[in-house]
Amino acid sequence: MTEPTKRIDCLKCRHYYVTWDPSFPRGCRAFGFKTQTMPSVAVLSSSGKPCMNFEPKAKPRA
């Protein structure tokens, strides 16, 4: 039996960005691509492994 993979939240990753391209609205600077889905979903579907480049965003200073 396979173990379920932990879903990575791209919105909390420092490499995630909004491309403003209507065809490919989401992007990943670490991997250098734009996609229609969340980048972590694209990485998982293409490689079969969860994203290894996830880095949490820096917390804003108060």
N, C-alpha and C. Protein backbone atom coordinates (compact mmCIF):
# COMPACT_ATOMS: atom_id res chain seq x y z
N MET A 1 0.84 -1.17 0.00
CA MET A 1 0.00 0.00 0.00
C MET A 1 0.89 1.24 0.00
N THR A 2 0.55 2.21 -0.83
CA THR A 2 1.36 3.42 -0.89
C THR A 2 0.92 4.42 0.18
N GLU A 3 1.88 5.16 0.65
CA GLU A 3 1.61 6.17 1.66
C GLU A 3 1.14 7.45 0.96
N PRO A 4 0.07 8.10 1.45
CA PRO A 4 -0.38 9.32 0.80
C PRO A 4 0.67 10.43 0.92
N THR A 5 0.82 11.19 -0.15
CA THR A 5 1.82 12.26 -0.13
C THR A 5 1.22 13.51 0.51
N LYS A 6 2.06 14.24 1.21
CA LYS A 6 1.63 15.48 1.85
C LYS A 6 1.50 16.54 0.76
N ARG A 7 0.38 17.21 0.71
CA ARG A 7 0.15 18.23 -0.31
C ARG A 7 0.92 19.50 0.06
N ILE A 8 1.62 20.02 -0.91
CA ILE A 8 2.42 21.23 -0.70
C ILE A 8 1.59 22.44 -1.12
N ASP A 9 1.55 23.45 -0.26
CA ASP A 9 0.79 24.67 -0.53
C ASP A 9 1.69 25.69 -1.21
N CYS A 10 1.56 25.81 -2.52
CA CYS A 10 2.40 26.73 -3.29
C CYS A 10 2.23 28.18 -2.86
N LEU A 11 1.06 28.53 -2.35
CA LEU A 11 0.82 29.91 -1.93
C LEU A 11 1.73 30.31 -0.77
N LYS A 12 2.27 29.35 -0.07
CA LYS A 12 3.17 29.62 1.05
C LYS A 12 4.64 29.46 0.67
N CYS A 13 4.91 29.22 -0.61
CA CYS A 13 6.28 29.00 -1.08
C CYS A 13 6.86 30.28 -1.67
N ARG A 14 8.12 30.52 -1.41
CA ARG A 14 8.77 31.75 -1.90
C ARG A 14 9.00 31.72 -3.41
N HIS A 15 8.91 30.57 -4.05
CA HIS A 15 9.14 30.45 -5.49
C HIS A 15 7.87 30.61 -6.32
N TYR A 16 6.71 30.57 -5.67
CA TYR A 16 5.43 30.70 -6.38
C TYR A 16 5.20 32.16 -6.80
N TYR A 17 4.63 32.33 -8.00
CA TYR A 17 4.26 33.68 -8.42
C TYR A 17 3.07 33.63 -9.37
N VAL A 18 2.36 34.75 -9.47
CA VAL A 18 1.25 34.91 -10.40
C VAL A 18 1.83 35.47 -11.69
N THR A 19 1.56 34.82 -12.81
CA THR A 19 2.18 35.20 -14.08
C THR A 19 1.39 36.28 -14.82
N TRP A 20 0.11 36.42 -14.55
CA TRP A 20 -0.80 37.32 -15.26
C TRP A 20 -0.99 36.90 -16.71
N ASP A 21 -0.59 35.69 -17.05
CA ASP A 21 -0.85 35.11 -18.37
C ASP A 21 -2.14 34.30 -18.24
N PRO A 22 -3.23 34.69 -18.92
CA PRO A 22 -4.50 33.99 -18.76
C PRO A 22 -4.42 32.48 -19.06
N SER A 23 -3.54 32.08 -19.95
CA SER A 23 -3.41 30.66 -20.29
C SER A 23 -2.65 29.87 -19.23
N PHE A 24 -1.69 30.52 -18.59
CA PHE A 24 -0.85 29.87 -17.57
C PHE A 24 -0.68 30.83 -16.40
N PRO A 25 -1.69 30.92 -15.52
CA PRO A 25 -1.69 31.96 -14.48
C PRO A 25 -0.77 31.73 -13.28
N ARG A 26 -0.23 30.54 -13.12
CA ARG A 26 0.60 30.25 -11.95
C ARG A 26 1.99 29.81 -12.39
N GLY A 27 3.00 30.19 -11.60
CA GLY A 27 4.36 29.83 -11.98
C GLY A 27 5.23 29.46 -10.81
N CYS A 28 6.35 28.82 -11.12
CA CYS A 28 7.35 28.42 -10.13
C CYS A 28 8.72 28.92 -10.61
N ARG A 29 9.31 29.81 -9.84
CA ARG A 29 10.63 30.34 -10.21
C ARG A 29 11.73 29.30 -10.01
N ALA A 30 11.57 28.42 -9.04
CA ALA A 30 12.60 27.40 -8.77
C ALA A 30 12.75 26.45 -9.96
N PHE A 31 11.63 26.02 -10.53
CA PHE A 31 11.67 25.11 -11.67
C PHE A 31 11.61 25.84 -13.00
N GLY A 32 11.21 27.11 -12.98
CA GLY A 32 11.19 27.91 -14.20
C GLY A 32 10.08 27.55 -15.17
N PHE A 33 8.86 27.36 -14.67
CA PHE A 33 7.76 27.07 -15.58
C PHE A 33 6.48 27.76 -15.13
N LYS A 34 5.53 27.88 -16.09
CA LYS A 34 4.20 28.41 -15.83
C LYS A 34 3.22 27.28 -16.09
N THR A 35 2.09 27.29 -15.37
CA THR A 35 1.13 26.20 -15.49
C THR A 35 -0.29 26.68 -15.22
N GLN A 36 -1.27 25.88 -15.63
CA GLN A 36 -2.67 26.19 -15.35
C GLN A 36 -3.05 25.75 -13.94
N THR A 37 -2.41 24.72 -13.44
CA THR A 37 -2.70 24.21 -12.10
C THR A 37 -1.66 24.75 -11.12
N MET A 38 -1.79 24.38 -9.87
CA MET A 38 -0.77 24.77 -8.90
C MET A 38 0.53 24.06 -9.29
N PRO A 39 1.66 24.73 -9.22
CA PRO A 39 2.93 24.12 -9.62
C PRO A 39 3.24 22.81 -8.89
N SER A 40 2.89 22.70 -7.62
CA SER A 40 3.18 21.46 -6.89
C SER A 40 2.40 20.28 -7.47
N VAL A 41 1.20 20.54 -7.97
CA VAL A 41 0.40 19.49 -8.60
C VAL A 41 1.04 19.06 -9.91
N ALA A 42 1.53 20.03 -10.67
CA ALA A 42 2.20 19.73 -11.95
C ALA A 42 3.47 18.92 -11.72
N VAL A 43 4.23 19.27 -10.69
CA VAL A 43 5.47 18.53 -10.37
C VAL A 43 5.13 17.10 -9.96
N LEU A 44 4.14 16.94 -9.10
CA LEU A 44 3.75 15.61 -8.64
C LEU A 44 3.25 14.74 -9.80
N SER A 45 2.45 15.32 -10.69
CA SER A 45 1.91 14.52 -11.80
C SER A 45 2.98 14.16 -12.83
N SER A 46 3.98 15.02 -13.01
CA SER A 46 5.00 14.73 -14.02
C SER A 46 6.14 13.86 -13.49
N SER A 47 6.49 14.02 -12.21
CA SER A 47 7.62 13.26 -11.68
C SER A 47 7.21 12.12 -10.76
N GLY A 48 5.98 12.20 -10.23
CA GLY A 48 5.53 11.18 -9.30
C GLY A 48 6.04 11.42 -7.88
N LYS A 49 6.75 12.52 -7.68
CA LYS A 49 7.30 12.86 -6.36
C LYS A 49 6.84 14.26 -5.98
N PRO A 50 6.67 14.51 -4.68
CA PRO A 50 6.29 15.86 -4.27
C PRO A 50 7.41 16.85 -4.53
N CYS A 51 7.07 18.10 -4.62
CA CYS A 51 8.04 19.17 -4.91
C CYS A 51 9.14 19.19 -3.86
N MET A 52 10.38 19.18 -4.33
CA MET A 52 11.53 19.19 -3.42
C MET A 52 12.11 20.59 -3.26
N ASN A 53 11.57 21.58 -3.99
CA ASN A 53 12.10 22.94 -3.92
C ASN A 53 11.27 23.87 -3.06
N PHE A 54 10.32 23.33 -2.30
CA PHE A 54 9.48 24.18 -1.46
C PHE A 54 10.32 24.87 -0.39
N GLU A 55 10.17 26.19 -0.31
CA GLU A 55 10.81 26.99 0.74
C GLU A 55 9.75 27.95 1.26
N PRO A 56 9.48 27.95 2.57
CA PRO A 56 8.45 28.85 3.09
C PRO A 56 8.81 30.31 2.86
N LYS A 57 7.79 31.12 2.63
CA LYS A 57 8.01 32.56 2.47
C LYS A 57 8.50 33.13 3.79
N ALA A 58 9.28 34.19 3.70
CA ALA A 58 9.73 34.88 4.90
C ALA A 58 8.53 35.55 5.55
N LYS A 59 8.46 35.48 6.85
CA LYS A 59 7.35 36.10 7.56
C LYS A 59 7.55 37.62 7.55
N PRO A 60 6.47 38.37 7.32
CA PRO A 60 6.61 39.83 7.29
C PRO A 60 6.97 40.37 8.67
N ARG A 61 7.79 41.38 8.66
CA ARG A 61 8.18 42.01 9.92
C ARG A 61 7.06 42.91 10.41
N ALA A 62 6.88 42.94 11.69
CA ALA A 62 5.81 43.75 12.28
C ALA A 62 6.20 45.19 12.44
